[in-house]
Protein backbone atom coordinates (compact mmCIF):
# COMPACT_ATOMS: atom_id res chain seq x y z
CA MET A 1 0.00 0.00 0.00
CA LYS A 2 2.80 2.42 0.90
CA GLY A 3 4.50 1.70 -2.42
CA ILE A 4 1.37 2.63 -4.39
CA VAL A 5 0.92 5.93 -2.53
CA ARG A 6 4.60 6.75 -3.00
CA THR A 7 4.42 6.01 -6.74
CA MET A 8 1.30 8.17 -7.02
CA TRP A 9 3.06 11.12 -5.35
CA ILE A 10 6.04 10.75 -7.65
CA ILE A 11 3.77 10.74 -10.71
CA ILE A 12 1.85 13.81 -9.45
CA ALA A 13 5.13 15.66 -8.73
CA ALA A 14 6.44 14.80 -12.20
CA ILE A 15 3.23 16.08 -13.81
CA VAL A 16 3.45 19.34 -11.82
CA VAL A 17 7.10 19.82 -12.84
CA VAL A 18 6.38 19.13 -16.52
CA CYS A 19 3.36 21.49 -16.50
CA GLY A 20 5.41 24.18 -14.74
CA LEU A 21 8.17 23.90 -17.31
CA GLY A 22 5.63 24.05 -20.12
CA VAL A 23 3.91 27.15 -18.75
CA GLY A 24 7.25 28.82 -17.97
CA GLY A 25 8.62 28.05 -21.43
CA TYR A 26 5.49 29.38 -23.10
CA TYR A 27 5.60 32.57 -21.00
CA TYR A 28 9.29 33.10 -21.76
CA LEU A 29 8.93 32.56 -25.50
CA SER A 30 5.81 34.69 -25.84
CA HIS A 31 7.05 37.63 -23.73
CA ARG A 32 10.72 37.86 -24.62
CA SER A 33 11.74 41.08 -26.26
CA THR A 34 12.57 41.06 -29.92
CA ALA A 35 15.39 43.02 -31.45
CA PRO A 36 14.66 46.75 -31.33
CA HIS A 37 13.56 48.36 -34.54
CA PRO A 38 15.85 51.08 -35.84
CA VAL A 39 14.54 54.55 -35.13
CA THR A 40 14.01 56.78 -38.14
CA ALA A 41 15.10 60.40 -38.39
CA ALA A 42 11.46 61.49 -38.46
CA GLN A 43 10.77 59.63 -35.20
CA LEU A 44 13.78 61.25 -33.55
CA ALA A 45 12.71 64.69 -34.76
CA ALA A 46 9.23 64.13 -33.34
CA LEU A 47 10.74 63.49 -29.90
CA ARG A 48 13.11 66.48 -29.87
CA VAL A 49 12.41 69.58 -27.78
CA ASP A 50 14.15 72.75 -28.98
CA LEU A 51 14.72 75.26 -26.20
CA PRO A 52 15.08 78.99 -26.83
CA GLU A 53 18.48 80.66 -26.96
CA ASN A 54 19.82 81.33 -23.49
CA THR A 55 22.66 83.20 -21.83
CA THR A 56 23.92 82.26 -18.39
CA ASN A 57 26.97 82.47 -16.15
CA LEU A 58 29.84 80.06 -16.03
CA LYS A 59 32.23 79.91 -13.07
CA ASP A 60 34.44 82.45 -14.81
CA GLY A 61 32.49 83.96 -17.67
CA LEU A 62 29.33 83.82 -19.75
CA ILE A 63 27.90 81.29 -22.15
CA GLN A 64 25.28 81.87 -24.81
CA PHE A 65 23.80 78.69 -26.21
CA THR A 66 20.92 77.03 -28.00
CA VAL A 67 20.16 73.49 -26.88
CA SER A 68 17.78 70.71 -27.94
CA LEU A 69 16.80 67.77 -25.76
CA GLN A 70 16.10 64.36 -27.26
CA ALA A 71 13.29 62.68 -25.30
CA LYS A 72 13.12 58.88 -25.13
CA ASN A 73 9.36 58.77 -25.74
CA LYS A 74 6.25 60.93 -26.19
CA SER A 75 5.58 61.01 -22.46
CA SER A 76 9.07 62.37 -21.77
CA LYS A 77 8.67 65.01 -24.48
CA GLN A 78 5.38 66.13 -22.95
CA GLN A 79 6.94 66.32 -19.48
CA ILE A 80 9.83 68.44 -20.79
CA SER A 81 7.34 70.81 -22.42
CA ASP A 82 5.12 70.96 -19.33
CA LEU A 83 8.06 71.61 -16.99
CA LEU A 84 10.03 73.90 -19.29
CA PRO A 85 10.91 76.56 -16.66
CA ALA A 86 12.28 73.88 -14.30
CA VAL A 87 14.15 72.23 -17.18
CA GLU A 88 15.73 75.52 -18.26
CA ASP A 89 16.72 76.23 -14.65
CA ALA A 90 18.32 72.80 -14.34
CA ILE A 91 20.32 73.42 -17.52
CA ASN A 92 21.45 76.85 -16.30
CA GLU A 93 22.48 75.35 -12.96
CA SER A 94 24.55 72.72 -14.76
CA MET A 95 26.29 75.43 -16.79
CA ARG A 96 27.33 77.31 -13.65
CA HIS A 97 29.59 74.43 -12.57
CA PHE A 98 31.89 74.73 -15.59
CA THR A 99 34.71 77.08 -16.52
CA LYS A 100 35.47 78.54 -19.95
CA GLU A 101 38.58 76.39 -20.17
CA GLN A 102 36.64 73.19 -19.52
CA LEU A 103 34.11 73.97 -22.25
CA HIS A 104 36.82 74.56 -24.85
CA THR A 105 37.58 70.82 -24.83
CA ALA A 106 35.61 67.92 -26.25
CA ALA A 107 35.77 66.14 -22.90
CA GLY A 108 34.37 69.21 -21.14
CA LEU A 109 31.45 69.46 -23.56
CA ALA A 110 30.75 65.74 -23.20
CA GLN A 111 30.70 66.15 -19.41
CA LEU A 112 28.38 69.15 -19.72
CA LYS A 113 25.97 67.11 -21.86
CA ALA A 114 26.01 64.28 -19.32
CA ASP A 115 25.40 66.74 -16.46
CA ILE A 116 22.50 68.35 -18.33
CA MET A 117 20.90 64.96 -19.04
CA GLN A 118 21.20 63.98 -15.39
CA SER A 119 19.86 67.27 -14.03
CA VAL A 120 16.94 67.38 -16.47
CA ASP A 121 16.05 63.74 -15.71
CA LYS A 122 15.79 64.70 -12.03
CA GLN A 123 13.12 67.27 -12.96
CA LEU A 124 10.98 64.79 -14.91
CA PRO A 125 8.71 62.49 -12.87
CA GLY A 126 9.05 59.53 -15.20
CA GLY A 127 10.61 60.83 -18.35
CA LYS A 128 14.10 60.51 -19.66
CA VAL A 129 16.36 62.50 -21.92
CA SER A 130 18.46 60.37 -24.25
CA ASP A 131 20.69 63.08 -25.73
CA VAL A 132 21.55 66.77 -25.65
CA TYR A 133 22.37 68.74 -28.79
CA PHE A 134 23.97 72.19 -28.90
CA SER A 135 23.05 74.20 -31.98
CA THR A 136 25.17 77.18 -30.95
CA ILE A 137 27.65 77.87 -28.18
CA VAL A 138 29.40 81.18 -27.61
CA ILE A 139 31.70 81.32 -24.59
CA GLN A 140 32.92 84.69 -23.33
């Protein structure tokens, strides 16, 4: 009698394991992400926010610039537009941490872009900025 009960439990456990693997495999195969589709230039342009020309202080001078922010999605673009004064303030605050000498180098500009992305992302509740583009920069 004990042998029959034990065999039954082993069969039930095997069925549960096989069903679990089947359900897990189905879930994995049906929900795995596919390769991302390349983004077109038109899609990127639709997610870009162009800010007005601005002049602000550096640590040791002035900078006049025009910047565009590349949003990761429509929600992020809308948040940037809705919070534009806070976004512009965050950008100006980032600028104030740099010197003229730093911004005359490629590494300095790359660091400025990274700082702007980070400071703007802090202002957005759920949005993200994927890139920062400078149309014009005049450092005095």
